[in-house]
Amino acid sequence: MTRTLELPDGASVEYLTPLADGVPCVLRGTIPPGGVVPLHSHEDTETFLLTGGEIEGFGAGGWITFRAGDVHHVPGHSKHAWRNRTDTPAVMFLVTTATIGRFFQEVSGVSPDEFLAISDRYGYWNATPAENARIGITVPAPARP
């Protein structure tokens, strides 16, 4: 099952395994040069293996730089973000749940407002533009109802 989706933040994910409840979902994610994944959290765990490029990940310990071969595990409910401050794409394998896999399908190609509505339905938390700015990420402020 190979299918690539473009996400609202400029990142993309390619499905490497079928979506099935109870088994890991494996994706290949790409964050383009200058790209960010804003601060967020969800109950699902994620484990990342960087295969190319360099990326900074934000978590409880602040910003950490990851390079090819580095593995990073994000426990459920942990606030985390990514930023690529290089001129090459950051490519990583992501092992997570089918729930996150389905979420990515739903948010592919949607507006920022639709993204927030879908996130809310999944019970995911997204930082405000001000909260992102405090950790060094600039994102536009979507209009919330």
N, C-alpha and C. Protein backbone atom coordinates (compact mmCIF):
# COMPACT_ATOMS: atom_id res chain seq x y z
N MET A 1 0.86 -1.19 0.00
CA MET A 1 0.00 0.00 0.00
C MET A 1 0.89 1.23 0.00
N THR A 2 1.12 1.82 -1.15
CA THR A 2 1.89 3.04 -1.23
C THR A 2 0.97 4.15 -1.71
N ARG A 3 0.81 5.15 -0.87
CA ARG A 3 -0.03 6.30 -1.18
C ARG A 3 0.54 7.48 -0.44
N THR A 4 0.75 8.58 -1.13
CA THR A 4 1.34 9.77 -0.50
C THR A 4 0.27 10.84 -0.35
N LEU A 5 0.24 11.46 0.83
CA LEU A 5 -0.70 12.54 1.13
C LEU A 5 0.08 13.80 1.48
N GLU A 6 -0.41 14.93 1.03
CA GLU A 6 0.16 16.23 1.38
C GLU A 6 -0.62 16.77 2.57
N LEU A 7 0.09 17.18 3.61
CA LEU A 7 -0.55 17.69 4.82
C LEU A 7 -0.55 19.22 4.82
N PRO A 8 -1.46 19.83 5.60
CA PRO A 8 -1.59 21.30 5.58
C PRO A 8 -0.32 22.06 5.94
N ASP A 9 0.57 21.45 6.74
CA ASP A 9 1.78 22.17 7.16
C ASP A 9 2.92 22.05 6.16
N GLY A 10 2.68 21.44 4.98
CA GLY A 10 3.72 21.29 3.97
C GLY A 10 4.42 19.96 4.01
N ALA A 11 4.25 19.22 5.06
CA ALA A 11 4.84 17.89 5.16
C ALA A 11 4.03 16.91 4.31
N SER A 12 4.60 15.75 4.06
CA SER A 12 3.87 14.71 3.35
C SER A 12 4.11 13.38 4.05
N VAL A 13 3.16 12.46 3.90
CA VAL A 13 3.30 11.11 4.44
C VAL A 13 2.96 10.12 3.34
N GLU A 14 3.72 9.04 3.32
CA GLU A 14 3.49 7.94 2.40
C GLU A 14 3.22 6.69 3.21
N TYR A 15 2.10 6.05 2.95
CA TYR A 15 1.72 4.84 3.69
C TYR A 15 2.54 3.66 3.18
N LEU A 16 3.21 2.97 4.09
CA LEU A 16 4.01 1.80 3.74
C LEU A 16 3.34 0.50 4.14
N THR A 17 2.33 0.58 5.02
CA THR A 17 1.57 -0.59 5.44
C THR A 17 0.09 -0.25 5.37
N PRO A 18 -0.76 -1.27 5.28
CA PRO A 18 -2.20 -1.01 5.29
C PRO A 18 -2.64 -0.50 6.66
N LEU A 19 -3.74 0.25 6.67
CA LEU A 19 -4.32 0.72 7.93
C LEU A 19 -5.19 -0.39 8.49
N ALA A 20 -4.82 -0.88 9.66
CA ALA A 20 -5.61 -1.93 10.31
C ALA A 20 -5.51 -1.72 11.82
N ASP A 21 -6.66 -1.70 12.48
CA ASP A 21 -6.67 -1.52 13.93
C ASP A 21 -5.88 -2.64 14.62
N GLY A 22 -5.15 -2.26 15.66
CA GLY A 22 -4.43 -3.23 16.46
C GLY A 22 -3.04 -3.59 15.96
N VAL A 23 -2.65 -3.07 14.79
CA VAL A 23 -1.30 -3.32 14.28
C VAL A 23 -0.64 -1.99 13.97
N PRO A 24 0.69 -1.92 14.02
CA PRO A 24 1.36 -0.64 13.75
C PRO A 24 1.10 -0.14 12.33
N CYS A 25 1.03 1.15 12.22
CA CYS A 25 0.94 1.84 10.93
C CYS A 25 2.34 2.41 10.67
N VAL A 26 2.91 2.07 9.52
CA VAL A 26 4.25 2.55 9.18
C VAL A 26 4.13 3.53 8.00
N LEU A 27 4.69 4.71 8.19
CA LEU A 27 4.64 5.78 7.20
C LEU A 27 6.05 6.29 6.93
N ARG A 28 6.24 6.86 5.75
CA ARG A 28 7.47 7.62 5.47
C ARG A 28 7.03 9.08 5.41
N GLY A 29 7.60 9.89 6.29
CA GLY A 29 7.25 11.30 6.33
C GLY A 29 8.37 12.16 5.80
N THR A 30 8.01 13.25 5.15
CA THR A 30 8.99 14.19 4.63
C THR A 30 8.59 15.60 5.07
N ILE A 31 9.53 16.30 5.67
CA ILE A 31 9.33 17.70 6.03
C ILE A 31 10.28 18.51 5.16
N PRO A 32 9.74 19.39 4.30
CA PRO A 32 10.59 20.11 3.35
C PRO A 32 11.49 21.13 4.03
N PRO A 33 12.50 21.62 3.31
CA PRO A 33 13.34 22.68 3.86
C PRO A 33 12.48 23.85 4.34
N GLY A 34 12.75 24.31 5.54
CA GLY A 34 12.00 25.41 6.13
C GLY A 34 10.64 25.00 6.68
N GLY A 35 10.28 23.72 6.55
CA GLY A 35 8.97 23.25 6.99
C GLY A 35 8.90 23.05 8.49
N VAL A 36 7.69 23.10 9.00
CA VAL A 36 7.45 22.87 10.43
C VAL A 36 6.21 22.00 10.61
N VAL A 37 6.19 21.28 11.70
CA VAL A 37 4.98 20.64 12.20
C VAL A 37 4.74 21.31 13.54
N PRO A 38 3.71 22.15 13.65
CA PRO A 38 3.49 22.93 14.87
C PRO A 38 3.30 22.06 16.11
N LEU A 39 3.43 22.69 17.25
CA LEU A 39 3.30 22.03 18.55
C LEU A 39 1.90 21.43 18.70
N HIS A 40 1.87 20.16 19.10
CA HIS A 40 0.61 19.44 19.23
C HIS A 40 0.80 18.25 20.15
N SER A 41 -0.31 17.59 20.50
CA SER A 41 -0.22 16.32 21.23
C SER A 41 -1.46 15.49 20.93
N HIS A 42 -1.33 14.20 21.19
CA HIS A 42 -2.41 13.24 20.96
C HIS A 42 -2.11 12.02 21.83
N GLU A 43 -3.10 11.17 22.02
CA GLU A 43 -2.89 10.02 22.91
C GLU A 43 -2.04 8.92 22.28
N ASP A 44 -1.90 8.91 20.98
CA ASP A 44 -1.16 7.86 20.30
C ASP A 44 0.35 8.08 20.40
N THR A 45 1.09 6.97 20.56
CA THR A 45 2.54 7.05 20.55
C THR A 45 3.04 7.12 19.11
N GLU A 46 4.23 7.67 18.96
CA GLU A 46 4.89 7.72 17.66
C GLU A 46 6.38 7.43 17.87
N THR A 47 6.96 6.65 16.97
CA THR A 47 8.40 6.43 16.99
C THR A 47 8.93 6.80 15.61
N PHE A 48 9.94 7.67 15.59
CA PHE A 48 10.51 8.20 14.35
C PHE A 48 11.94 7.69 14.17
N LEU A 49 12.28 7.29 12.95
CA LEU A 49 13.65 6.93 12.57
C LEU A 49 14.02 7.83 11.41
N LEU A 50 14.93 8.78 11.64
CA LEU A 50 15.34 9.70 10.59
C LEU A 50 16.23 8.96 9.60
N THR A 51 15.87 9.01 8.31
CA THR A 51 16.63 8.30 7.29
C THR A 51 17.40 9.24 6.38
N GLY A 52 17.06 10.52 6.38
CA GLY A 52 17.78 11.47 5.54
C GLY A 52 17.56 12.89 6.01
N GLY A 53 18.59 13.69 5.84
CA GLY A 53 18.50 15.08 6.24
C GLY A 53 18.74 15.25 7.73
N GLU A 54 18.29 16.39 8.22
CA GLU A 54 18.44 16.75 9.63
C GLU A 54 17.17 17.48 10.05
N ILE A 55 16.75 17.27 11.28
CA ILE A 55 15.52 17.87 11.77
C ILE A 55 15.67 18.20 13.24
N GLU A 56 14.97 19.23 13.70
CA GLU A 56 14.91 19.54 15.12
C GLU A 56 13.55 19.12 15.64
N GLY A 57 13.55 18.41 16.76
CA GLY A 57 12.32 17.99 17.40
C GLY A 57 12.19 18.69 18.75
N PHE A 58 10.99 19.12 19.07
CA PHE A 58 10.73 19.78 20.34
C PHE A 58 9.92 18.85 21.23
N GLY A 59 10.32 18.77 22.49
CA GLY A 59 9.60 17.98 23.48
C GLY A 59 9.87 18.56 24.86
N ALA A 60 9.68 17.74 25.87
CA ALA A 60 9.84 18.19 27.26
C ALA A 60 11.23 18.76 27.53
N GLY A 61 12.24 18.29 26.82
CA GLY A 61 13.61 18.77 27.02
C GLY A 61 14.00 19.93 26.14
N GLY A 62 13.04 20.52 25.41
CA GLY A 62 13.36 21.60 24.49
C GLY A 62 13.68 21.05 23.11
N TRP A 63 14.43 21.80 22.32
CA TRP A 63 14.77 21.41 20.96
C TRP A 63 15.98 20.48 20.95
N ILE A 64 15.90 19.41 20.16
CA ILE A 64 16.99 18.45 19.98
C ILE A 64 17.17 18.23 18.49
N THR A 65 18.40 18.18 18.02
CA THR A 65 18.68 17.92 16.61
C THR A 65 18.81 16.42 16.36
N PHE A 66 18.15 15.95 15.30
CA PHE A 66 18.22 14.55 14.90
C PHE A 66 18.81 14.46 13.50
N ARG A 67 19.65 13.44 13.32
CA ARG A 67 20.30 13.19 12.03
C ARG A 67 20.00 11.76 11.59
N ALA A 68 20.32 11.46 10.35
CA ALA A 68 20.06 10.13 9.80
C ALA A 68 20.56 9.05 10.76
N GLY A 69 19.70 8.07 11.05
CA GLY A 69 20.02 6.99 11.96
C GLY A 69 19.50 7.20 13.38
N ASP A 70 19.15 8.44 13.71
CA ASP A 70 18.64 8.71 15.06
C ASP A 70 17.18 8.27 15.17
N VAL A 71 16.83 7.76 16.35
CA VAL A 71 15.47 7.32 16.65
C VAL A 71 14.93 8.20 17.77
N HIS A 72 13.66 8.58 17.63
CA HIS A 72 13.02 9.41 18.65
C HIS A 72 11.63 8.86 18.93
N HIS A 73 11.35 8.56 20.19
CA HIS A 73 10.04 8.05 20.59
C HIS A 73 9.25 9.15 21.29
N VAL A 74 8.02 9.35 20.86
CA VAL A 74 7.13 10.34 21.46
C VAL A 74 6.01 9.58 22.17
N PRO A 75 6.01 9.59 23.51
CA PRO A 75 4.92 8.92 24.24
C PRO A 75 3.59 9.63 23.99
N GLY A 76 2.50 8.92 24.20
CA GLY A 76 1.18 9.52 24.08
C GLY A 76 1.02 10.69 25.03
N HIS A 77 0.26 11.68 24.60
CA HIS A 77 -0.07 12.90 25.36
C HIS A 77 1.12 13.84 25.53
N SER A 78 2.24 13.58 24.84
CA SER A 78 3.42 14.46 24.94
C SER A 78 3.33 15.57 23.90
N LYS A 79 3.53 16.80 24.35
CA LYS A 79 3.57 17.92 23.41
C LYS A 79 4.86 17.82 22.61
N HIS A 80 4.74 17.95 21.27
CA HIS A 80 5.92 17.84 20.42
C HIS A 80 5.72 18.63 19.13
N ALA A 81 6.84 18.97 18.48
CA ALA A 81 6.83 19.74 17.24
C ALA A 81 8.10 19.39 16.47
N TRP A 82 8.10 19.74 15.18
CA TRP A 82 9.27 19.53 14.33
C TRP A 82 9.54 20.79 13.54
N ARG A 83 10.82 21.04 13.23
CA ARG A 83 11.17 22.11 12.31
C ARG A 83 12.42 21.72 11.54
N ASN A 84 12.41 22.04 10.26
CA ASN A 84 13.54 21.74 9.38
C ASN A 84 14.18 23.06 8.99
N ARG A 85 15.29 23.36 9.63
CA ARG A 85 15.97 24.63 9.37
C ARG A 85 17.13 24.45 8.40
N THR A 86 17.09 23.39 7.60
CA THR A 86 18.15 23.13 6.63
C THR A 86 17.61 23.37 5.22
N ASP A 87 18.49 23.18 4.22
CA ASP A 87 18.07 23.35 2.82
C ASP A 87 17.81 22.02 2.13
N THR A 88 17.67 20.94 2.92
CA THR A 88 17.34 19.63 2.35
C THR A 88 16.14 19.03 3.09
N PRO A 89 15.35 18.22 2.40
CA PRO A 89 14.21 17.60 3.08
C PRO A 89 14.67 16.68 4.21
N ALA A 90 13.89 16.61 5.26
CA ALA A 90 14.11 15.64 6.34
C ALA A 90 13.14 14.49 6.08
N VAL A 91 13.68 13.28 6.00
CA VAL A 91 12.87 12.10 5.68
C VAL A 91 12.97 11.14 6.84
N MET A 92 11.82 10.59 7.26
CA MET A 92 11.82 9.69 8.41
C MET A 92 10.76 8.62 8.26
N PHE A 93 11.02 7.48 8.87
CA PHE A 93 9.98 6.47 9.03
C PHE A 93 9.26 6.79 10.32
N LEU A 94 7.96 6.61 10.31
CA LEU A 94 7.12 6.84 11.48
C LEU A 94 6.33 5.57 11.74
N VAL A 95 6.47 5.04 12.95
CA VAL A 95 5.67 3.89 13.37
C VAL A 95 4.69 4.40 14.42
N THR A 96 3.41 4.23 14.13
CA THR A 96 2.36 4.75 15.00
C THR A 96 1.13 3.86 14.91
N THR A 97 -0.02 4.44 15.19
CA THR A 97 -1.27 3.68 15.21
C THR A 97 -2.09 3.94 13.95
N ALA A 98 -3.03 3.05 13.69
CA ALA A 98 -3.95 3.25 12.57
C ALA A 98 -4.78 4.51 12.77
N THR A 99 -5.02 4.90 14.01
CA THR A 99 -5.78 6.12 14.28
C THR A 99 -5.08 7.33 13.68
N ILE A 100 -3.78 7.44 13.91
CA ILE A 100 -3.04 8.57 13.32
C ILE A 100 -3.01 8.44 11.81
N GLY A 101 -2.87 7.22 11.31
CA GLY A 101 -2.92 7.01 9.86
C GLY A 101 -4.22 7.51 9.26
N ARG A 102 -5.34 7.22 9.90
CA ARG A 102 -6.64 7.70 9.42
C ARG A 102 -6.74 9.22 9.54
N PHE A 103 -6.20 9.77 10.62
CA PHE A 103 -6.20 11.24 10.80
C PHE A 103 -5.49 11.89 9.62
N PHE A 104 -4.30 11.38 9.26
CA PHE A 104 -3.56 11.96 8.13
C PHE A 104 -4.39 11.91 6.85
N GLN A 105 -5.13 10.82 6.63
CA GLN A 105 -5.98 10.74 5.45
C GLN A 105 -7.03 11.85 5.46
N GLU A 106 -7.62 12.09 6.61
CA GLU A 106 -8.69 13.09 6.70
C GLU A 106 -8.19 14.52 6.55
N VAL A 107 -6.96 14.81 6.98
CA VAL A 107 -6.48 16.20 6.94
C VAL A 107 -5.72 16.52 5.66
N SER A 108 -5.50 15.54 4.81
CA SER A 108 -4.79 15.80 3.56
C SER A 108 -5.58 16.79 2.70
N GLY A 109 -4.94 17.91 2.38
CA GLY A 109 -5.54 18.87 1.48
C GLY A 109 -6.61 19.78 2.07
N VAL A 110 -6.79 19.78 3.40
CA VAL A 110 -7.83 20.63 3.99
C VAL A 110 -7.26 21.99 4.39
N SER A 111 -8.15 22.93 4.64
CA SER A 111 -7.76 24.26 5.11
C SER A 111 -7.32 24.17 6.58
N PRO A 112 -6.62 25.21 7.07
CA PRO A 112 -6.25 25.22 8.50
C PRO A 112 -7.46 25.12 9.43
N ASP A 113 -8.56 25.75 9.07
CA ASP A 113 -9.76 25.66 9.92
C ASP A 113 -10.31 24.24 9.94
N GLU A 114 -10.36 23.60 8.78
CA GLU A 114 -10.83 22.21 8.72
C GLU A 114 -9.89 21.29 9.49
N PHE A 115 -8.58 21.57 9.41
CA PHE A 115 -7.60 20.78 10.15
C PHE A 115 -7.90 20.83 11.64
N LEU A 116 -8.17 22.03 12.17
CA LEU A 116 -8.46 22.15 13.60
C LEU A 116 -9.75 21.43 13.98
N ALA A 117 -10.76 21.50 13.13
CA ALA A 117 -12.02 20.82 13.41
C ALA A 117 -11.83 19.30 13.45
N ILE A 118 -11.05 18.78 12.50
CA ILE A 118 -10.77 17.34 12.47
C ILE A 118 -9.94 16.95 13.69
N SER A 119 -8.95 17.76 14.02
CA SER A 119 -8.13 17.51 15.22
C SER A 119 -9.00 17.43 16.47
N ASP A 120 -9.92 18.38 16.60
CA ASP A 120 -10.82 18.39 17.76
C ASP A 120 -11.64 17.10 17.82
N ARG A 121 -12.13 16.65 16.67
CA ARG A 121 -12.93 15.43 16.63
C ARG A 121 -12.11 14.21 17.09
N TYR A 122 -10.82 14.20 16.79
CA TYR A 122 -9.94 13.11 17.22
C TYR A 122 -9.46 13.29 18.67
N GLY A 123 -9.73 14.44 19.26
CA GLY A 123 -9.27 14.70 20.62
C GLY A 123 -7.82 15.16 20.68
N TYR A 124 -7.29 15.66 19.56
CA TYR A 124 -5.91 16.11 19.50
C TYR A 124 -5.82 17.57 19.93
N TRP A 125 -4.74 17.93 20.62
CA TRP A 125 -4.50 19.29 21.06
C TRP A 125 -3.53 19.96 20.10
N ASN A 126 -3.82 21.20 19.71
CA ASN A 126 -2.93 22.00 18.86
C ASN A 126 -2.65 23.32 19.56
N ALA A 127 -1.38 23.69 19.58
CA ALA A 127 -0.98 24.95 20.20
C ALA A 127 -1.52 26.13 19.40
N THR A 128 -1.69 27.23 20.09
CA THR A 128 -2.08 28.48 19.43
C THR A 128 -0.87 29.06 18.71
N PRO A 129 -1.09 30.03 17.81
CA PRO A 129 0.06 30.69 17.19
C PRO A 129 1.02 31.29 18.23
N ALA A 130 0.49 31.86 19.32
CA ALA A 130 1.34 32.44 20.37
C ALA A 130 2.16 31.36 21.07
N GLU A 131 1.55 30.21 21.35
CA GLU A 131 2.28 29.11 21.99
C GLU A 131 3.38 28.58 21.06
N ASN A 132 3.10 28.51 19.77
CA ASN A 132 4.13 28.09 18.82
C ASN A 132 5.25 29.12 18.74
N ALA A 133 4.90 30.41 18.74
CA ALA A 133 5.90 31.47 18.67
C ALA A 133 6.85 31.40 19.87
N ARG A 134 6.33 31.04 21.05
CA ARG A 134 7.19 30.96 22.24
C ARG A 134 8.27 29.89 22.10
N ILE A 135 8.05 28.88 21.24
CA ILE A 135 9.09 27.86 21.06
C ILE A 135 9.83 28.04 19.73
N GLY A 136 9.56 29.16 19.01
CA GLY A 136 10.31 29.45 17.80
C GLY A 136 9.69 28.98 16.50
N ILE A 137 8.38 28.76 16.50
CA ILE A 137 7.67 28.35 15.27
C ILE A 137 6.65 29.42 14.93
N THR A 138 6.64 29.83 13.66
CA THR A 138 5.65 30.81 13.19
C THR A 138 4.60 30.08 12.37
N VAL A 139 3.35 30.21 12.77
CA VAL A 139 2.22 29.65 12.02
C VAL A 139 1.14 30.70 11.94
N PRO A 140 0.39 30.72 10.83
CA PRO A 140 -0.71 31.67 10.73
C PRO A 140 -1.82 31.31 11.69
N ALA A 141 -2.55 32.31 12.11
CA ALA A 141 -3.67 32.10 13.03
C ALA A 141 -4.93 31.78 12.25
N PRO A 142 -5.43 30.53 12.34
CA PRO A 142 -6.69 30.24 11.66
C PRO A 142 -7.86 30.85 12.42
N ALA A 143 -8.91 31.14 11.71
CA ALA A 143 -10.11 31.67 12.35
C ALA A 143 -10.88 30.51 12.95
N ARG A 144 -11.08 30.55 14.25
CA ARG A 144 -11.86 29.50 14.90
C ARG A 144 -13.27 30.02 15.14
N PRO A 145 -14.25 29.13 14.99
CA PRO A 145 -15.65 29.58 15.21
C PRO A 145 -15.87 30.00 16.64
